[in-house]
Structure formats: C-alpha cells, structure tokens
Amino acid sequence: MQKFRTPSDMPPVGPKLKELRLTAKPKLSIRRIAEELEIPFASYAFYERPDGYKKPFLPLDFARRVAGILAGYGVDPADVMALAGLTESEAEPEAREIESQRPAFISITLPVVLPSEVALRDMFRSLLVLVPEGASKDEAADILARRLPAGLAACGPLALDQASVASLGGGAIAQSPATDRPESRP
C-alpha cells in the first residue's frame, strides 16, 4: 500500500526550500535564484518566508522549475519535488526527467591569448621530436596531446602591451598613474 504524504507529515515548506537553496554549490542568494527562474525577487522570497507561503506543498510546476535550477547546483531534484507533496516513488521519475534536461556541457566564452605564430611553430617542432618515427597518427596525437600543456608553458609568459590588452577586451587602454606618464619634452 502506497503511503501518501499529508500536510501533517511535512515540515513547513518555506524553511525546507530555503535549506535546499542554501545547500547549493556554490550557494545561491534569493536574488540569484529568482533571476534564474525569471521571476521577481519578492515572488520567490514569498515561498521561502515562514509567514509568506502557508500551503503545505509547493505548486508542482513551480517545484519543477526550482528543481531544474537547483539541480545545476548539486541539489537532488527529488528533494525539491518532495516539497510539492510527491512521494518518493513519484518524485524519482520527475527527478530523472529534470536531470535528463540538463545540458551535458556548458559553453562559456573566454578571451584566450596564445603565443605568436613563430613561438607556436618552434613549440610544435620541439614536440614533433618526441613522436617516434613510424608512429601511427593516433599514437602521435596521443603524445602531442599529453605534451601540449608543457609545450605551451615552455613558450614562457606572454608580455602584452596595453594596446594588445585593450584590443582583446574591446575596451579602451587602461591608464595607470604609476607607470603611464606623458613623455617629457627635451
């Protein structure tokens, strides 16, 4: 016989929702989770306040959305779905569905600075020396992949002038009062 949760066996939903949000890694502020849910800050805060949302369970659609966000921060979606009054056997399929919706990879864009073409050519020449004659393409690729980080490190630190930094960031050249002085005239 399946046991159904009733309001009397559930602790208040607001503090539990807050507790789950605070277990997120990294921690999420109320403002941040509201932004991710694309709802006003006060609307989300209402659900966490003990004197705000008084119903014993979260609305199912809201719980699904919160579970989807918190899953990206290491919180088990089944724990959130339990706040909607679902039994463990009901929450697990929901949690699996939420987990399946998460992207396998997250794409970010970062500015990257690489050594000059000449430095890269020299680095690749030194790496190719490590590939034994007669090695297959797979063996060569494996050797080069393992050695590439050390090869890039061997190119040495890059000294960028401020104009290069500004062009990478798309911004104006930063001025430092300690080092950027107008040239003195003779």
N, C-alpha and C. Protein backbone atom coordinates (compact mmCIF):
# COMPACT_ATOMS: atom_id res chain seq x y z
N MET A 1 0.84 -1.17 0.00
CA MET A 1 0.00 0.00 0.00
C MET A 1 0.89 1.25 0.00
N GLN A 2 0.61 2.19 -0.91
CA GLN A 2 1.42 3.40 -1.05
C GLN A 2 1.02 4.43 0.00
N LYS A 3 2.02 4.98 0.64
CA LYS A 3 1.76 6.00 1.65
C LYS A 3 1.74 7.36 0.98
N PHE A 4 0.68 8.13 1.19
CA PHE A 4 0.59 9.48 0.64
C PHE A 4 0.97 10.47 1.71
N ARG A 5 1.68 11.47 1.31
CA ARG A 5 2.09 12.50 2.25
C ARG A 5 0.92 13.41 2.54
N THR A 6 0.79 13.80 3.77
CA THR A 6 -0.26 14.72 4.17
C THR A 6 0.39 15.94 4.78
N PRO A 7 -0.33 17.03 4.90
CA PRO A 7 0.26 18.24 5.49
C PRO A 7 0.84 18.00 6.87
N SER A 8 0.30 17.08 7.63
CA SER A 8 0.81 16.87 8.98
C SER A 8 2.17 16.19 9.01
N ASP A 9 2.54 15.38 7.96
CA ASP A 9 3.87 14.77 7.99
C ASP A 9 4.94 15.62 7.32
N MET A 10 4.61 16.77 6.80
CA MET A 10 5.59 17.63 6.13
C MET A 10 5.95 18.80 7.03
N PRO A 11 7.25 19.06 7.15
CA PRO A 11 7.63 20.30 7.84
C PRO A 11 7.21 21.47 6.95
N PRO A 12 7.17 22.67 7.52
CA PRO A 12 6.79 23.82 6.68
C PRO A 12 7.66 23.89 5.43
N VAL A 13 7.05 24.18 4.31
CA VAL A 13 7.74 24.13 3.02
C VAL A 13 8.77 25.26 2.86
N GLY A 14 8.49 26.45 3.38
CA GLY A 14 9.40 27.59 3.20
C GLY A 14 10.79 27.35 3.75
N PRO A 15 10.93 26.96 5.03
CA PRO A 15 12.27 26.72 5.57
C PRO A 15 13.01 25.59 4.84
N LYS A 16 12.27 24.55 4.44
CA LYS A 16 12.92 23.44 3.71
C LYS A 16 13.40 23.91 2.34
N LEU A 17 12.61 24.73 1.67
CA LEU A 17 13.02 25.29 0.37
C LEU A 17 14.28 26.14 0.55
N LYS A 18 14.30 26.95 1.58
CA LYS A 18 15.47 27.78 1.87
C LYS A 18 16.69 26.90 2.14
N GLU A 19 16.49 25.85 2.95
CA GLU A 19 17.58 24.93 3.27
C GLU A 19 18.16 24.30 2.01
N LEU A 20 17.29 23.88 1.10
CA LEU A 20 17.78 23.30 -0.16
C LEU A 20 18.54 24.33 -0.98
N ARG A 21 18.05 25.55 -1.03
CA ARG A 21 18.74 26.61 -1.78
C ARG A 21 20.13 26.85 -1.20
N LEU A 22 20.22 26.82 0.13
CA LEU A 22 21.49 27.09 0.79
C LEU A 22 22.47 25.92 0.69
N THR A 23 21.99 24.72 0.33
CA THR A 23 22.91 23.59 0.14
C THR A 23 23.50 23.60 -1.26
N ALA A 24 23.02 24.48 -2.11
CA ALA A 24 23.54 24.58 -3.49
C ALA A 24 25.03 24.91 -3.44
N LYS A 25 25.76 24.37 -4.38
CA LYS A 25 27.20 24.64 -4.51
C LYS A 25 27.47 25.29 -5.86
N PRO A 26 27.89 26.51 -5.94
CA PRO A 26 28.02 27.46 -4.85
C PRO A 26 26.65 27.91 -4.37
N LYS A 27 26.64 28.48 -3.16
CA LYS A 27 25.37 28.91 -2.58
C LYS A 27 24.69 29.92 -3.48
N LEU A 28 23.37 29.85 -3.49
CA LEU A 28 22.57 30.78 -4.29
C LEU A 28 21.86 31.76 -3.37
N SER A 29 21.90 33.01 -3.73
CA SER A 29 21.11 34.00 -3.00
C SER A 29 19.67 33.92 -3.50
N ILE A 30 18.77 34.49 -2.72
CA ILE A 30 17.37 34.54 -3.16
C ILE A 30 17.29 35.32 -4.47
N ARG A 31 18.04 36.39 -4.55
CA ARG A 31 18.01 37.22 -5.75
C ARG A 31 18.48 36.43 -6.98
N ARG A 32 19.53 35.64 -6.81
CA ARG A 32 20.08 34.88 -7.94
C ARG A 32 19.12 33.79 -8.42
N ILE A 33 18.51 33.05 -7.49
CA ILE A 33 17.60 32.00 -7.93
C ILE A 33 16.36 32.62 -8.58
N ALA A 34 15.92 33.78 -8.07
CA ALA A 34 14.78 34.47 -8.69
C ALA A 34 15.14 34.88 -10.12
N GLU A 35 16.37 35.36 -10.32
CA GLU A 35 16.81 35.73 -11.67
C GLU A 35 16.81 34.51 -12.59
N GLU A 36 17.33 33.39 -12.08
CA GLU A 36 17.38 32.19 -12.91
C GLU A 36 15.99 31.64 -13.22
N LEU A 37 15.05 31.83 -12.29
CA LEU A 37 13.67 31.42 -12.52
C LEU A 37 12.91 32.43 -13.37
N GLU A 38 13.54 33.59 -13.57
CA GLU A 38 12.95 34.70 -14.33
C GLU A 38 11.63 35.16 -13.70
N ILE A 39 11.70 35.31 -12.36
CA ILE A 39 10.57 35.86 -11.62
C ILE A 39 11.10 36.97 -10.72
N PRO A 40 10.23 37.88 -10.26
CA PRO A 40 10.70 38.93 -9.36
C PRO A 40 11.25 38.35 -8.04
N PHE A 41 12.20 39.04 -7.47
CA PHE A 41 12.82 38.65 -6.21
C PHE A 41 11.76 38.41 -5.14
N ALA A 42 10.82 39.33 -4.99
CA ALA A 42 9.79 39.23 -3.95
C ALA A 42 8.90 38.01 -4.16
N SER A 43 8.67 37.64 -5.41
CA SER A 43 7.82 36.47 -5.69
C SER A 43 8.48 35.20 -5.18
N TYR A 44 9.79 35.06 -5.43
CA TYR A 44 10.47 33.87 -4.93
C TYR A 44 10.60 33.93 -3.41
N ALA A 45 10.97 35.08 -2.88
CA ALA A 45 11.16 35.23 -1.43
C ALA A 45 9.88 34.85 -0.68
N PHE A 46 8.74 35.11 -1.26
CA PHE A 46 7.45 34.78 -0.65
C PHE A 46 7.38 33.29 -0.32
N TYR A 47 7.89 32.43 -1.21
CA TYR A 47 7.83 30.98 -0.99
C TYR A 47 8.72 30.53 0.17
N GLU A 48 9.81 31.23 0.42
CA GLU A 48 10.73 30.84 1.48
C GLU A 48 10.35 31.41 2.84
N ARG A 49 9.61 32.49 2.87
CA ARG A 49 9.26 33.12 4.14
C ARG A 49 8.28 32.25 4.92
N PRO A 50 8.56 31.98 6.20
CA PRO A 50 7.62 31.19 7.01
C PRO A 50 6.24 31.84 7.11
N ASP A 51 6.20 33.16 7.10
CA ASP A 51 4.91 33.85 7.18
C ASP A 51 4.37 34.19 5.79
N GLY A 52 5.05 33.73 4.74
CA GLY A 52 4.62 34.01 3.37
C GLY A 52 3.74 32.91 2.83
N TYR A 53 4.33 31.93 2.21
CA TYR A 53 3.60 30.83 1.59
C TYR A 53 3.15 29.87 2.68
N LYS A 54 1.86 29.76 2.89
CA LYS A 54 1.33 28.99 4.00
C LYS A 54 0.84 27.60 3.63
N LYS A 55 0.78 27.29 2.36
CA LYS A 55 0.30 25.97 1.95
C LYS A 55 1.38 24.93 2.27
N PRO A 56 0.98 23.69 2.51
CA PRO A 56 1.95 22.67 2.91
C PRO A 56 2.85 22.18 1.77
N PHE A 57 2.44 22.40 0.53
CA PHE A 57 3.23 21.92 -0.60
C PHE A 57 3.39 23.02 -1.63
N LEU A 58 4.52 22.97 -2.34
CA LEU A 58 4.75 23.90 -3.44
C LEU A 58 3.87 23.50 -4.63
N PRO A 59 3.49 24.46 -5.46
CA PRO A 59 2.81 24.10 -6.71
C PRO A 59 3.77 23.23 -7.55
N LEU A 60 3.24 22.23 -8.20
CA LEU A 60 4.05 21.26 -8.93
C LEU A 60 4.90 21.91 -10.01
N ASP A 61 4.33 22.80 -10.81
CA ASP A 61 5.11 23.44 -11.88
C ASP A 61 6.23 24.29 -11.31
N PHE A 62 5.96 25.02 -10.22
CA PHE A 62 6.99 25.83 -9.58
C PHE A 62 8.10 24.93 -9.03
N ALA A 63 7.72 23.82 -8.39
CA ALA A 63 8.72 22.88 -7.86
C ALA A 63 9.59 22.33 -8.97
N ARG A 64 9.00 22.01 -10.12
CA ARG A 64 9.79 21.52 -11.26
C ARG A 64 10.81 22.55 -11.71
N ARG A 65 10.38 23.80 -11.79
CA ARG A 65 11.30 24.86 -12.25
C ARG A 65 12.43 25.05 -11.24
N VAL A 66 12.09 25.09 -9.94
CA VAL A 66 13.11 25.25 -8.90
C VAL A 66 14.06 24.05 -8.92
N ALA A 67 13.51 22.84 -9.05
CA ALA A 67 14.34 21.64 -9.09
C ALA A 67 15.30 21.68 -10.27
N GLY A 68 14.84 22.18 -11.40
CA GLY A 68 15.70 22.29 -12.58
C GLY A 68 16.86 23.23 -12.34
N ILE A 69 16.59 24.34 -11.66
CA ILE A 69 17.67 25.30 -11.36
C ILE A 69 18.62 24.70 -10.33
N LEU A 70 18.08 24.21 -9.23
CA LEU A 70 18.93 23.69 -8.15
C LEU A 70 19.73 22.45 -8.56
N ALA A 71 19.21 21.68 -9.52
CA ALA A 71 19.95 20.51 -10.00
C ALA A 71 21.29 20.93 -10.58
N GLY A 72 21.32 22.09 -11.20
CA GLY A 72 22.58 22.61 -11.76
C GLY A 72 23.57 23.03 -10.69
N TYR A 73 23.13 23.07 -9.44
CA TYR A 73 23.98 23.46 -8.32
C TYR A 73 24.16 22.31 -7.33
N GLY A 74 23.92 21.08 -7.80
CA GLY A 74 24.20 19.91 -6.98
C GLY A 74 23.10 19.50 -6.01
N VAL A 75 21.91 20.06 -6.12
CA VAL A 75 20.81 19.69 -5.23
C VAL A 75 19.97 18.62 -5.93
N ASP A 76 19.67 17.55 -5.22
CA ASP A 76 18.89 16.45 -5.77
C ASP A 76 17.48 16.93 -6.12
N PRO A 77 17.08 16.84 -7.39
CA PRO A 77 15.74 17.28 -7.78
C PRO A 77 14.62 16.55 -7.02
N ALA A 78 14.86 15.31 -6.61
CA ALA A 78 13.84 14.57 -5.86
C ALA A 78 13.53 15.25 -4.53
N ASP A 79 14.55 15.87 -3.91
CA ASP A 79 14.32 16.59 -2.66
C ASP A 79 13.40 17.78 -2.87
N VAL A 80 13.56 18.47 -3.99
CA VAL A 80 12.69 19.61 -4.29
C VAL A 80 11.29 19.12 -4.63
N MET A 81 11.21 18.06 -5.40
CA MET A 81 9.90 17.53 -5.80
C MET A 81 9.12 17.02 -4.60
N ALA A 82 9.80 16.58 -3.55
CA ALA A 82 9.11 16.17 -2.32
C ALA A 82 8.38 17.35 -1.70
N LEU A 83 8.89 18.56 -1.91
CA LEU A 83 8.23 19.76 -1.38
C LEU A 83 6.91 20.04 -2.10
N ALA A 84 6.69 19.38 -3.23
CA ALA A 84 5.42 19.52 -3.94
C ALA A 84 4.43 18.45 -3.48
N GLY A 85 4.83 17.67 -2.46
CA GLY A 85 3.93 16.66 -1.92
C GLY A 85 4.03 15.32 -2.60
N LEU A 86 5.03 15.13 -3.45
CA LEU A 86 5.17 13.85 -4.14
C LEU A 86 5.81 12.83 -3.21
N THR A 87 5.37 11.59 -3.33
CA THR A 87 6.01 10.51 -2.60
C THR A 87 7.35 10.24 -3.25
N GLU A 88 8.16 9.43 -2.60
CA GLU A 88 9.47 9.10 -3.16
C GLU A 88 9.33 8.44 -4.52
N SER A 89 8.37 7.53 -4.65
CA SER A 89 8.19 6.84 -5.93
C SER A 89 7.67 7.78 -7.02
N GLU A 90 6.98 8.85 -6.63
CA GLU A 90 6.51 9.84 -7.61
C GLU A 90 7.61 10.84 -7.93
N ALA A 91 8.43 11.17 -6.93
CA ALA A 91 9.47 12.18 -7.12
C ALA A 91 10.61 11.68 -7.98
N GLU A 92 10.96 10.41 -7.89
CA GLU A 92 12.11 9.88 -8.63
C GLU A 92 11.97 10.02 -10.15
N PRO A 93 10.82 9.66 -10.76
CA PRO A 93 10.72 9.86 -12.21
C PRO A 93 10.81 11.35 -12.59
N GLU A 94 10.23 12.19 -11.76
CA GLU A 94 10.33 13.64 -12.01
C GLU A 94 11.78 14.08 -11.96
N ALA A 95 12.51 13.58 -10.96
CA ALA A 95 13.92 13.95 -10.81
C ALA A 95 14.74 13.47 -12.00
N ARG A 96 14.47 12.25 -12.47
CA ARG A 96 15.19 11.72 -13.64
C ARG A 96 14.91 12.58 -14.87
N GLU A 97 13.67 13.01 -15.03
CA GLU A 97 13.30 13.86 -16.17
C GLU A 97 14.03 15.20 -16.09
N ILE A 98 14.08 15.77 -14.89
CA ILE A 98 14.77 17.06 -14.70
C ILE A 98 16.26 16.89 -15.00
N GLU A 99 16.86 15.83 -14.49
CA GLU A 99 18.29 15.58 -14.74
C GLU A 99 18.56 15.38 -16.23
N SER A 100 17.64 14.73 -16.93
CA SER A 100 17.85 14.48 -18.36
C SER A 100 17.77 15.78 -19.18
N GLN A 101 17.14 16.78 -18.64
CA GLN A 101 17.01 18.07 -19.33
C GLN A 101 18.28 18.92 -19.20
N ARG A 102 19.12 18.59 -18.23
CA ARG A 102 20.34 19.38 -18.02
C ARG A 102 21.30 19.16 -19.17
N PRO A 103 21.94 20.22 -19.64
CA PRO A 103 22.91 20.04 -20.73
C PRO A 103 24.13 19.26 -20.24
N ALA A 104 24.69 18.47 -21.14
CA ALA A 104 25.88 17.69 -20.80
C ALA A 104 27.10 18.60 -20.67
N PHE A 105 27.09 19.70 -21.41
CA PHE A 105 28.21 20.64 -21.38
C PHE A 105 27.65 22.04 -21.25
N ILE A 106 28.42 22.88 -20.62
CA ILE A 106 28.07 24.28 -20.52
C ILE A 106 29.11 25.04 -21.33
N SER A 107 28.65 25.92 -22.18
CA SER A 107 29.53 26.67 -23.06
C SER A 107 29.75 28.07 -22.49
N ILE A 108 31.01 28.45 -22.39
CA ILE A 108 31.34 29.81 -21.97
C ILE A 108 32.36 30.37 -22.96
N THR A 109 32.44 31.66 -23.04
CA THR A 109 33.39 32.30 -23.93
C THR A 109 34.41 33.04 -23.08
N LEU A 110 35.67 32.75 -23.32
CA LEU A 110 36.75 33.41 -22.60
C LEU A 110 37.75 33.98 -23.61
N PRO A 111 38.31 35.14 -23.30
CA PRO A 111 39.38 35.62 -24.17
C PRO A 111 40.63 34.78 -23.90
N VAL A 112 41.28 34.33 -24.95
CA VAL A 112 42.46 33.50 -24.81
C VAL A 112 43.61 34.17 -25.55
N VAL A 113 44.75 34.16 -24.92
CA VAL A 113 45.94 34.73 -25.54
C VAL A 113 46.90 33.58 -25.80
N LEU A 114 47.30 33.43 -27.04
CA LEU A 114 48.25 32.39 -27.43
C LEU A 114 49.57 33.02 -27.83
N PRO A 115 50.63 32.21 -27.78
CA PRO A 115 51.92 32.73 -28.24
C PRO A 115 51.85 33.08 -29.73
N SER A 116 52.85 33.79 -30.18
CA SER A 116 52.90 34.21 -31.59
C SER A 116 53.03 32.98 -32.49
N GLU A 117 52.82 33.20 -33.77
CA GLU A 117 52.93 32.12 -34.75
C GLU A 117 54.34 31.52 -34.73
N VAL A 118 55.35 32.37 -34.61
CA VAL A 118 56.74 31.90 -34.58
C VAL A 118 56.97 31.02 -33.35
N ALA A 119 56.49 31.47 -32.18
CA ALA A 119 56.66 30.70 -30.95
C ALA A 119 55.91 29.37 -31.03
N LEU A 120 54.72 29.39 -31.60
CA LEU A 120 53.95 28.15 -31.76
C LEU A 120 54.66 27.18 -32.71
N ARG A 121 55.20 27.70 -33.81
CA ARG A 121 55.92 26.85 -34.76
C ARG A 121 57.11 26.18 -34.06
N ASP A 122 57.87 26.96 -33.30
CA ASP A 122 59.02 26.41 -32.58
C ASP A 122 58.58 25.36 -31.56
N MET A 123 57.48 25.63 -30.88
CA MET A 123 56.98 24.70 -29.90
C MET A 123 56.57 23.39 -30.57
N PHE A 124 55.84 23.48 -31.69
CA PHE A 124 55.40 22.27 -32.40
C PHE A 124 56.60 21.48 -32.92
N ARG A 125 57.63 22.17 -33.39
CA ARG A 125 58.84 21.46 -33.83
C ARG A 125 59.44 20.65 -32.69
N SER A 126 59.52 21.28 -31.50
CA SER A 126 60.10 20.57 -30.35
C SER A 126 59.21 19.41 -29.91
N LEU A 127 57.91 19.55 -30.06
CA LEU A 127 57.01 18.46 -29.70
C LEU A 127 57.07 17.32 -30.70
N LEU A 128 57.23 17.64 -31.97
CA LEU A 128 57.27 16.60 -33.01
C LEU A 128 58.50 15.71 -32.85
N VAL A 129 59.57 16.22 -32.23
CA VAL A 129 60.77 15.43 -31.98
C VAL A 129 60.43 14.25 -31.06
N LEU A 130 59.42 14.42 -30.21
CA LEU A 130 59.03 13.39 -29.26
C LEU A 130 58.26 12.23 -29.90
N VAL A 131 57.78 12.44 -31.12
CA VAL A 131 57.00 11.41 -31.81
C VAL A 131 57.97 10.47 -32.52
N PRO A 132 57.96 9.19 -32.14
CA PRO A 132 58.90 8.24 -32.79
C PRO A 132 58.56 8.04 -34.26
N GLU A 133 59.59 7.81 -35.03
CA GLU A 133 59.39 7.54 -36.45
C GLU A 133 58.54 6.30 -36.61
N GLY A 134 57.60 6.33 -37.53
CA GLY A 134 56.73 5.20 -37.78
C GLY A 134 55.53 5.14 -36.85
N ALA A 135 55.37 6.15 -35.98
CA ALA A 135 54.21 6.16 -35.08
C ALA A 135 52.95 6.40 -35.90
N SER A 136 51.87 5.77 -35.49
CA SER A 136 50.60 5.99 -36.18
C SER A 136 50.09 7.39 -35.84
N LYS A 137 49.10 7.84 -36.58
CA LYS A 137 48.53 9.15 -36.31
C LYS A 137 47.93 9.20 -34.90
N ASP A 138 47.29 8.10 -34.48
CA ASP A 138 46.71 8.05 -33.14
C ASP A 138 47.79 8.14 -32.07
N GLU A 139 48.90 7.43 -32.26
CA GLU A 139 50.00 7.48 -31.29
C GLU A 139 50.60 8.88 -31.25
N ALA A 140 50.79 9.48 -32.41
CA ALA A 140 51.34 10.84 -32.48
C ALA A 140 50.40 11.83 -31.80
N ALA A 141 49.11 11.68 -32.08
CA ALA A 141 48.14 12.59 -31.46
C ALA A 141 48.16 12.45 -29.96
N ASP A 142 48.25 11.21 -29.46
CA ASP A 142 48.29 10.96 -28.02
C ASP A 142 49.52 11.62 -27.39
N ILE A 143 50.66 11.45 -27.99
CA ILE A 143 51.91 12.04 -27.47
C ILE A 143 51.81 13.56 -27.47
N LEU A 144 51.35 14.11 -28.58
CA LEU A 144 51.25 15.57 -28.67
C LEU A 144 50.24 16.13 -27.68
N ALA A 145 49.11 15.44 -27.50
CA ALA A 145 48.09 15.92 -26.56
C ALA A 145 48.63 15.94 -25.14
N ARG A 146 49.40 14.90 -24.77
CA ARG A 146 49.96 14.85 -23.42
C ARG A 146 51.03 15.93 -23.22
N ARG A 147 51.76 16.27 -24.27
CA ARG A 147 52.88 17.21 -24.14
C ARG A 147 52.50 18.67 -24.42
N LEU A 148 51.33 18.90 -24.99
CA LEU A 148 50.95 20.27 -25.36
C LEU A 148 50.96 21.24 -24.18
N PRO A 149 50.38 20.91 -23.01
CA PRO A 149 50.42 21.88 -21.91
C PRO A 149 51.85 22.28 -21.53
N ALA A 150 52.76 21.29 -21.46
CA ALA A 150 54.15 21.61 -21.13
C ALA A 150 54.78 22.44 -22.25
N GLY A 151 54.42 22.12 -23.49
CA GLY A 151 54.95 22.90 -24.61
C GLY A 151 54.50 24.35 -24.57
N LEU A 152 53.23 24.56 -24.25
CA LEU A 152 52.74 25.94 -24.14
C LEU A 152 53.42 26.66 -22.97
N ALA A 153 53.60 25.95 -21.87
CA ALA A 153 54.26 26.56 -20.71
C ALA A 153 55.70 26.92 -21.05
N ALA A 154 56.34 26.12 -21.88
CA ALA A 154 57.73 26.38 -22.25
C ALA A 154 57.87 27.62 -23.12
N CYS A 155 56.79 28.03 -23.76
CA CYS A 155 56.84 29.26 -24.57
C CYS A 155 57.08 30.47 -23.68
N GLY A 156 56.82 30.32 -22.38
CA GLY A 156 57.08 31.40 -21.45
C GLY A 156 55.89 32.32 -21.31
N PRO A 157 55.96 33.17 -20.29
CA PRO A 157 54.86 34.10 -20.07
C PRO A 157 54.77 35.10 -21.22
N LEU A 158 53.57 35.50 -21.49
CA LEU A 158 53.36 36.48 -22.56
C LEU A 158 53.39 37.88 -21.98
N ALA A 159 54.15 38.72 -22.60
CA ALA A 159 54.18 40.12 -22.17
C ALA A 159 53.32 40.91 -23.16
N LEU A 160 52.18 41.33 -22.69
CA LEU A 160 51.27 42.07 -23.56
C LEU A 160 51.40 43.56 -23.28
N ASP A 161 51.42 44.33 -24.33
CA ASP A 161 51.37 45.76 -24.12
C ASP A 161 49.90 46.15 -23.90
N GLN A 162 49.68 47.35 -23.38
CA GLN A 162 48.31 47.75 -23.05
C GLN A 162 47.41 47.84 -24.27
N ALA A 163 47.97 48.17 -25.41
CA ALA A 163 47.15 48.25 -26.62
C ALA A 163 46.61 46.87 -26.99
N SER A 164 47.47 45.83 -26.82
CA SER A 164 47.01 44.46 -27.11
C SER A 164 45.92 44.04 -26.16
N VAL A 165 46.08 44.36 -24.87
CA VAL A 165 45.07 44.01 -23.87
C VAL A 165 43.76 44.70 -24.20
N ALA A 166 43.82 45.98 -24.57
CA ALA A 166 42.61 46.73 -24.90
C ALA A 166 41.91 46.14 -26.12
N SER A 167 42.70 45.73 -27.12
CA SER A 167 42.07 45.18 -28.32
C SER A 167 41.44 43.82 -28.03
N LEU A 168 42.02 43.03 -27.12
CA LEU A 168 41.42 41.75 -26.74
C LEU A 168 40.10 41.95 -26.02
N GLY A 169 40.08 42.92 -25.11
CA GLY A 169 38.88 43.16 -24.32
C GLY A 169 37.89 44.06 -25.02
N GLY A 170 38.27 44.64 -26.13
CA GLY A 170 37.37 45.52 -26.85
C GLY A 170 37.18 46.86 -26.16
N GLY A 171 38.04 47.16 -25.21
CA GLY A 171 37.87 48.39 -24.45
C GLY A 171 38.99 49.37 -24.70
N ALA A 172 38.94 50.42 -23.93
CA ALA A 172 39.96 51.45 -24.03
C ALA A 172 41.22 51.00 -23.31
N ILE A 173 42.30 51.62 -23.61
CA ILE A 173 43.57 51.32 -22.97
C ILE A 173 43.51 51.81 -21.53
N ALA A 174 43.85 50.90 -20.60
CA ALA A 174 43.83 51.26 -19.19
C ALA A 174 45.00 52.19 -18.90
N GLN A 175 44.77 53.15 -18.06
CA GLN A 175 45.80 54.10 -17.67
C GLN A 175 46.19 53.84 -16.22
N SER A 176 47.46 53.76 -15.96
CA SER A 176 47.96 53.59 -14.60
C SER A 176 48.77 54.82 -14.24
N PRO A 177 48.38 55.56 -13.21
CA PRO A 177 49.12 56.77 -12.86
C PRO A 177 50.56 56.47 -12.45
N ALA A 178 50.84 55.27 -11.98
CA ALA A 178 52.19 54.95 -11.54
C ALA A 178 53.14 54.72 -12.72
N THR A 179 52.63 54.23 -13.83
CA THR A 179 53.53 53.88 -14.93
C THR A 179 53.25 54.65 -16.21
N ASP A 180 52.08 55.17 -16.40
CA ASP A 180 51.74 55.88 -17.64
C ASP A 180 51.85 57.38 -17.42
N ARG A 181 52.96 57.90 -17.85
CA ARG A 181 53.17 59.33 -17.72
C ARG A 181 53.40 59.92 -19.10
N PRO A 182 53.00 61.16 -19.29
CA PRO A 182 53.27 61.76 -20.59
C PRO A 182 54.79 61.86 -20.78
N GLU A 183 55.18 61.68 -22.03
CA GLU A 183 56.62 61.79 -22.31
C GLU A 183 57.08 63.21 -22.05
N SER A 184 58.25 63.32 -21.42
CA SER A 184 58.78 64.65 -21.16
C SER A 184 59.45 65.16 -22.42
N ARG A 185 59.37 66.43 -22.59
CA ARG A 185 59.98 67.03 -23.78
C ARG A 185 61.37 67.55 -23.46
N PRO A 186 62.31 67.41 -24.39
CA PRO A 186 63.69 67.87 -24.12
C PRO A 186 63.82 69.37 -24.11
